[in-house]
Amino acid sequence: MKITCFIEYHIDPFKLELFQQYAENWGKIIPQCGGDLLGYFIPHEGTNNIAFGLISFNSLADYERYRAKLRQSELGAANFQFAKTNKFIIAEKRTFLQAVASTYKQEPEGEQHVSCNI
């Protein structure tokens, strides 16, 4: 049973570049600690103070092993400190989701190709 940790961040919209750096740092740290990073997502249009991070694991036990490695990671500790010092995260919420297998990463059926004649 694959699970995804869906993290919703409420961020300071005037510190978006700092949050982006924070997310980019996790891009290196999370895989080193055993997480399957699906990505971080920052505001583009519309609401300007919500960002998301999605990390998948094969099980809750794998998530617990990841958290243990993360607690021992010097890079992880430094990134948490970076967030604490710069105060760009106002709040965060974690939800654990399980994909409906028959809907996950479906390829389009009978994909139609459009040709362009120039």
N, C-alpha and C. Protein backbone atom coordinates (compact mmCIF):
# COMPACT_ATOMS: atom_id res chain seq x y z
N MET A 1 0.85 -1.16 0.00
CA MET A 1 0.00 0.00 0.00
C MET A 1 0.90 1.24 0.00
N LYS A 2 0.98 1.93 -1.09
CA LYS A 2 1.77 3.16 -1.18
C LYS A 2 0.96 4.28 -0.54
N ILE A 3 1.63 5.11 0.27
CA ILE A 3 0.97 6.26 0.88
C ILE A 3 1.73 7.53 0.50
N THR A 4 1.02 8.63 0.49
CA THR A 4 1.63 9.91 0.19
C THR A 4 1.37 10.87 1.34
N CYS A 5 2.42 11.47 1.82
CA CYS A 5 2.32 12.52 2.83
C CYS A 5 2.11 13.83 2.07
N PHE A 6 0.95 14.41 2.27
CA PHE A 6 0.55 15.65 1.60
C PHE A 6 0.71 16.76 2.63
N ILE A 7 1.68 17.64 2.40
CA ILE A 7 1.96 18.72 3.34
C ILE A 7 1.43 20.03 2.76
N GLU A 8 0.56 20.68 3.51
CA GLU A 8 0.05 21.99 3.11
C GLU A 8 0.72 23.03 3.99
N TYR A 9 1.38 23.98 3.34
CA TYR A 9 2.07 25.05 4.04
C TYR A 9 1.31 26.36 3.88
N HIS A 10 1.16 27.09 4.95
CA HIS A 10 0.72 28.48 4.88
C HIS A 10 2.01 29.28 5.02
N ILE A 11 2.31 30.06 3.98
CA ILE A 11 3.60 30.75 3.93
C ILE A 11 3.41 32.26 3.87
N ASP A 12 4.46 32.98 4.20
CA ASP A 12 4.48 34.42 4.05
C ASP A 12 4.70 34.70 2.56
N PRO A 13 3.72 35.28 1.87
CA PRO A 13 3.87 35.48 0.42
C PRO A 13 5.00 36.44 0.05
N PHE A 14 5.47 37.23 1.01
CA PHE A 14 6.56 38.16 0.75
C PHE A 14 7.93 37.49 0.92
N LYS A 15 7.90 36.21 1.30
CA LYS A 15 9.13 35.44 1.46
C LYS A 15 9.11 34.18 0.60
N LEU A 16 8.45 34.29 -0.54
CA LEU A 16 8.29 33.14 -1.44
C LEU A 16 9.64 32.58 -1.89
N GLU A 17 10.59 33.45 -2.17
CA GLU A 17 11.91 32.98 -2.63
C GLU A 17 12.61 32.16 -1.56
N LEU A 18 12.42 32.54 -0.29
CA LEU A 18 13.01 31.76 0.80
C LEU A 18 12.36 30.38 0.89
N PHE A 19 11.01 30.33 0.74
CA PHE A 19 10.34 29.03 0.76
C PHE A 19 10.81 28.18 -0.42
N GLN A 20 11.00 28.79 -1.58
CA GLN A 20 11.46 28.03 -2.74
C GLN A 20 12.84 27.43 -2.47
N GLN A 21 13.72 28.18 -1.83
CA GLN A 21 15.04 27.64 -1.48
C GLN A 21 14.90 26.47 -0.51
N TYR A 22 14.03 26.62 0.47
CA TYR A 22 13.72 25.56 1.44
C TYR A 22 13.27 24.29 0.71
N ALA A 23 12.36 24.45 -0.23
CA ALA A 23 11.86 23.31 -1.01
C ALA A 23 12.97 22.67 -1.83
N GLU A 24 13.78 23.50 -2.47
CA GLU A 24 14.90 22.98 -3.27
C GLU A 24 15.88 22.20 -2.40
N ASN A 25 16.11 22.68 -1.18
CA ASN A 25 16.98 21.94 -0.26
C ASN A 25 16.40 20.56 0.03
N TRP A 26 15.08 20.46 0.24
CA TRP A 26 14.46 19.16 0.50
C TRP A 26 14.60 18.24 -0.71
N GLY A 27 14.71 18.83 -1.89
CA GLY A 27 14.88 18.02 -3.09
C GLY A 27 16.11 17.13 -3.05
N LYS A 28 17.09 17.52 -2.28
CA LYS A 28 18.31 16.70 -2.10
C LYS A 28 18.19 15.82 -0.85
N ILE A 29 17.61 16.38 0.21
CA ILE A 29 17.60 15.71 1.51
C ILE A 29 16.60 14.56 1.57
N ILE A 30 15.40 14.77 1.09
CA ILE A 30 14.34 13.76 1.20
C ILE A 30 14.73 12.44 0.54
N PRO A 31 15.22 12.43 -0.71
CA PRO A 31 15.63 11.15 -1.30
C PRO A 31 16.77 10.47 -0.53
N GLN A 32 17.70 11.26 0.02
CA GLN A 32 18.80 10.68 0.81
C GLN A 32 18.28 9.96 2.05
N CYS A 33 17.14 10.42 2.57
CA CYS A 33 16.58 9.83 3.79
C CYS A 33 15.55 8.74 3.49
N GLY A 34 15.28 8.46 2.22
CA GLY A 34 14.40 7.36 1.86
C GLY A 34 13.01 7.72 1.38
N GLY A 35 12.72 9.00 1.21
CA GLY A 35 11.41 9.41 0.72
C GLY A 35 11.39 9.51 -0.80
N ASP A 36 10.25 9.24 -1.39
CA ASP A 36 10.05 9.38 -2.84
C ASP A 36 9.39 10.73 -3.04
N LEU A 37 10.20 11.76 -3.29
CA LEU A 37 9.69 13.12 -3.40
C LEU A 37 8.95 13.30 -4.72
N LEU A 38 7.65 13.54 -4.63
CA LEU A 38 6.86 13.81 -5.83
C LEU A 38 7.01 15.26 -6.24
N GLY A 39 7.27 16.13 -5.28
CA GLY A 39 7.53 17.52 -5.61
C GLY A 39 7.00 18.50 -4.59
N TYR A 40 7.51 19.72 -4.69
CA TYR A 40 7.01 20.86 -3.94
C TYR A 40 6.36 21.79 -4.95
N PHE A 41 5.30 22.45 -4.52
CA PHE A 41 4.52 23.31 -5.39
C PHE A 41 4.30 24.64 -4.68
N ILE A 42 4.63 25.72 -5.38
CA ILE A 42 4.50 27.06 -4.82
C ILE A 42 3.43 27.84 -5.57
N PRO A 43 2.92 28.91 -4.97
CA PRO A 43 1.87 29.69 -5.63
C PRO A 43 2.33 30.23 -6.98
N HIS A 44 1.42 30.19 -7.92
CA HIS A 44 1.68 30.74 -9.25
C HIS A 44 0.65 31.82 -9.58
N GLU A 45 -0.60 31.46 -9.37
CA GLU A 45 -1.70 32.38 -9.66
C GLU A 45 -2.80 32.08 -8.65
N GLY A 46 -3.56 33.07 -8.28
CA GLY A 46 -4.62 32.86 -7.29
C GLY A 46 -4.08 33.06 -5.89
N THR A 47 -4.43 32.16 -4.98
CA THR A 47 -4.00 32.26 -3.59
C THR A 47 -2.47 32.33 -3.53
N ASN A 48 -1.96 33.30 -2.79
CA ASN A 48 -0.51 33.51 -2.80
C ASN A 48 0.21 33.07 -1.54
N ASN A 49 -0.51 32.41 -0.62
CA ASN A 49 0.12 32.03 0.64
C ASN A 49 0.00 30.54 0.97
N ILE A 50 -0.27 29.73 -0.03
CA ILE A 50 -0.40 28.28 0.17
C ILE A 50 0.61 27.58 -0.75
N ALA A 51 1.35 26.64 -0.18
CA ALA A 51 2.29 25.81 -0.94
C ALA A 51 2.10 24.37 -0.50
N PHE A 52 2.59 23.43 -1.30
CA PHE A 52 2.40 22.01 -1.01
C PHE A 52 3.69 21.23 -1.23
N GLY A 53 3.84 20.16 -0.47
CA GLY A 53 4.91 19.20 -0.66
C GLY A 53 4.29 17.81 -0.63
N LEU A 54 4.68 16.94 -1.54
CA LEU A 54 4.16 15.58 -1.60
C LEU A 54 5.31 14.58 -1.61
N ILE A 55 5.27 13.66 -0.65
CA ILE A 55 6.32 12.65 -0.51
C ILE A 55 5.64 11.30 -0.36
N SER A 56 6.02 10.32 -1.16
CA SER A 56 5.42 8.99 -1.09
C SER A 56 6.33 7.99 -0.40
N PHE A 57 5.68 6.99 0.18
CA PHE A 57 6.37 5.89 0.87
C PHE A 57 5.60 4.61 0.58
N ASN A 58 6.29 3.48 0.64
CA ASN A 58 5.63 2.20 0.40
C ASN A 58 4.74 1.79 1.56
N SER A 59 4.99 2.33 2.75
CA SER A 59 4.18 1.98 3.92
C SER A 59 4.41 3.01 5.02
N LEU A 60 3.58 2.97 6.06
CA LEU A 60 3.80 3.84 7.21
C LEU A 60 5.10 3.48 7.92
N ALA A 61 5.47 2.21 7.90
CA ALA A 61 6.75 1.78 8.49
C ALA A 61 7.91 2.45 7.75
N ASP A 62 7.84 2.53 6.42
CA ASP A 62 8.88 3.22 5.65
C ASP A 62 8.91 4.70 6.00
N TYR A 63 7.75 5.30 6.23
CA TYR A 63 7.69 6.70 6.64
C TYR A 63 8.39 6.88 7.99
N GLU A 64 8.16 5.97 8.93
CA GLU A 64 8.80 6.07 10.25
C GLU A 64 10.31 5.92 10.13
N ARG A 65 10.79 5.04 9.25
CA ARG A 65 12.23 4.89 9.03
C ARG A 65 12.81 6.19 8.43
N TYR A 66 12.06 6.77 7.49
CA TYR A 66 12.46 8.04 6.88
C TYR A 66 12.58 9.13 7.95
N ARG A 67 11.59 9.24 8.83
CA ARG A 67 11.60 10.27 9.89
C ARG A 67 12.82 10.07 10.82
N ALA A 68 13.15 8.81 11.11
CA ALA A 68 14.33 8.54 11.96
C ALA A 68 15.61 9.00 11.26
N LYS A 69 15.74 8.72 9.96
CA LYS A 69 16.92 9.16 9.21
C LYS A 69 16.95 10.68 9.12
N LEU A 70 15.79 11.28 8.94
CA LEU A 70 15.72 12.74 8.83
C LEU A 70 16.17 13.41 10.12
N ARG A 71 15.80 12.83 11.26
CA ARG A 71 16.22 13.39 12.56
C ARG A 71 17.74 13.34 12.73
N GLN A 72 18.40 12.41 12.06
CA GLN A 72 19.85 12.26 12.16
C GLN A 72 20.60 13.05 11.08
N SER A 73 19.86 13.60 10.13
CA SER A 73 20.47 14.28 8.99
C SER A 73 20.91 15.70 9.36
N GLU A 74 22.19 15.99 9.17
CA GLU A 74 22.69 17.34 9.41
C GLU A 74 22.08 18.32 8.41
N LEU A 75 21.93 17.89 7.17
CA LEU A 75 21.32 18.77 6.16
C LEU A 75 19.85 19.04 6.50
N GLY A 76 19.15 18.02 6.98
CA GLY A 76 17.76 18.20 7.38
C GLY A 76 17.65 19.19 8.54
N ALA A 77 18.49 19.03 9.54
CA ALA A 77 18.49 19.94 10.69
C ALA A 77 18.78 21.36 10.24
N ALA A 78 19.71 21.52 9.33
CA ALA A 78 20.06 22.85 8.82
C ALA A 78 18.88 23.47 8.08
N ASN A 79 18.13 22.66 7.32
CA ASN A 79 17.00 23.20 6.58
C ASN A 79 15.86 23.60 7.52
N PHE A 80 15.62 22.78 8.55
CA PHE A 80 14.62 23.16 9.54
C PHE A 80 15.03 24.48 10.22
N GLN A 81 16.30 24.63 10.52
CA GLN A 81 16.79 25.86 11.16
C GLN A 81 16.65 27.05 10.22
N PHE A 82 16.91 26.83 8.93
CA PHE A 82 16.74 27.88 7.92
C PHE A 82 15.30 28.41 7.95
N ALA A 83 14.33 27.50 8.03
CA ALA A 83 12.92 27.90 8.08
C ALA A 83 12.62 28.64 9.38
N LYS A 84 13.14 28.13 10.47
CA LYS A 84 12.88 28.75 11.78
C LYS A 84 13.47 30.16 11.85
N THR A 85 14.67 30.32 11.37
CA THR A 85 15.35 31.62 11.40
C THR A 85 14.65 32.65 10.53
N ASN A 86 14.22 32.23 9.34
CA ASN A 86 13.65 33.17 8.36
C ASN A 86 12.13 33.33 8.46
N LYS A 87 11.47 32.47 9.22
CA LYS A 87 10.03 32.59 9.53
C LYS A 87 9.14 32.79 8.29
N PHE A 88 9.37 31.98 7.27
CA PHE A 88 8.52 32.07 6.08
C PHE A 88 7.38 31.07 6.11
N ILE A 89 7.41 30.10 7.02
CA ILE A 89 6.31 29.16 7.19
C ILE A 89 5.49 29.61 8.38
N ILE A 90 4.22 29.89 8.14
CA ILE A 90 3.32 30.34 9.19
C ILE A 90 2.69 29.13 9.89
N ALA A 91 2.30 28.14 9.09
CA ALA A 91 1.69 26.92 9.63
C ALA A 91 1.84 25.82 8.59
N GLU A 92 1.77 24.57 9.05
CA GLU A 92 1.77 23.45 8.12
C GLU A 92 0.86 22.35 8.64
N LYS A 93 0.32 21.61 7.69
CA LYS A 93 -0.61 20.53 8.02
C LYS A 93 -0.22 19.32 7.18
N ARG A 94 -0.19 18.14 7.81
CA ARG A 94 0.15 16.90 7.11
C ARG A 94 -1.06 15.99 7.05
N THR A 95 -1.30 15.46 5.88
CA THR A 95 -2.36 14.49 5.66
C THR A 95 -1.74 13.31 4.93
N PHE A 96 -2.09 12.09 5.35
CA PHE A 96 -1.58 10.90 4.68
C PHE A 96 -2.68 10.34 3.79
N LEU A 97 -2.34 10.17 2.53
CA LEU A 97 -3.30 9.74 1.52
C LEU A 97 -2.86 8.43 0.89
N GLN A 98 -3.86 7.67 0.47
CA GLN A 98 -3.61 6.44 -0.29
C GLN A 98 -4.27 6.63 -1.65
N ALA A 99 -3.53 6.36 -2.71
CA ALA A 99 -4.07 6.51 -4.06
C ALA A 99 -5.11 5.43 -4.35
N VAL A 100 -6.12 5.80 -5.09
CA VAL A 100 -7.05 4.82 -5.65
C VAL A 100 -6.31 4.23 -6.84
N ALA A 101 -5.89 2.98 -6.70
CA ALA A 101 -4.96 2.36 -7.66
C ALA A 101 -5.42 2.49 -9.12
N SER A 102 -6.70 2.31 -9.37
CA SER A 102 -7.18 2.34 -10.75
C SER A 102 -7.17 3.73 -11.36
N THR A 103 -6.86 4.76 -10.56
CA THR A 103 -6.83 6.12 -11.08
C THR A 103 -5.44 6.73 -11.09
N TYR A 104 -4.47 6.05 -10.52
CA TYR A 104 -3.14 6.63 -10.32
C TYR A 104 -2.32 6.60 -11.60
N LYS A 105 -1.88 7.77 -12.03
CA LYS A 105 -1.00 7.94 -13.19
C LYS A 105 -1.53 7.22 -14.43
N GLN A 106 -2.76 7.46 -14.76
CA GLN A 106 -3.36 6.83 -15.93
C GLN A 106 -2.91 7.52 -17.21
N GLU A 107 -2.59 6.72 -18.20
CA GLU A 107 -2.25 7.24 -19.52
C GLU A 107 -3.54 7.43 -20.31
N PRO A 108 -3.59 8.45 -21.15
CA PRO A 108 -4.79 8.64 -21.98
C PRO A 108 -4.98 7.46 -22.91
N GLU A 109 -6.23 7.02 -23.03
CA GLU A 109 -6.54 5.92 -23.97
C GLU A 109 -6.80 6.50 -25.34
N GLY A 110 -6.34 5.80 -26.35
CA GLY A 110 -6.59 6.22 -27.72
C GLY A 110 -6.12 7.64 -27.97
N GLU A 111 -4.92 7.93 -27.53
CA GLU A 111 -4.40 9.30 -27.65
C GLU A 111 -4.42 9.72 -29.11
N GLN A 112 -5.00 10.87 -29.33
CA GLN A 112 -5.09 11.40 -30.68
C GLN A 112 -3.95 12.38 -30.92
N HIS A 113 -3.33 12.24 -32.07
CA HIS A 113 -2.24 13.13 -32.41
C HIS A 113 -2.75 14.19 -33.38
N VAL A 114 -2.42 15.41 -33.09
CA VAL A 114 -2.80 16.52 -33.95
C VAL A 114 -1.59 16.91 -34.77
N SER A 115 -1.77 16.98 -36.07
CA SER A 115 -0.63 17.37 -36.91
C SER A 115 -0.79 18.82 -37.32
N CYS A 116 0.33 19.48 -37.43
CA CYS A 116 0.34 20.88 -37.83
C CYS A 116 1.04 20.98 -39.17
N ASN A 117 0.36 21.54 -40.12
CA ASN A 117 0.98 21.79 -41.43
C ASN A 117 1.33 23.26 -41.52
N ILE A 118 2.60 23.53 -41.67
CA ILE A 118 3.04 24.92 -41.75
C ILE A 118 3.45 25.25 -43.16
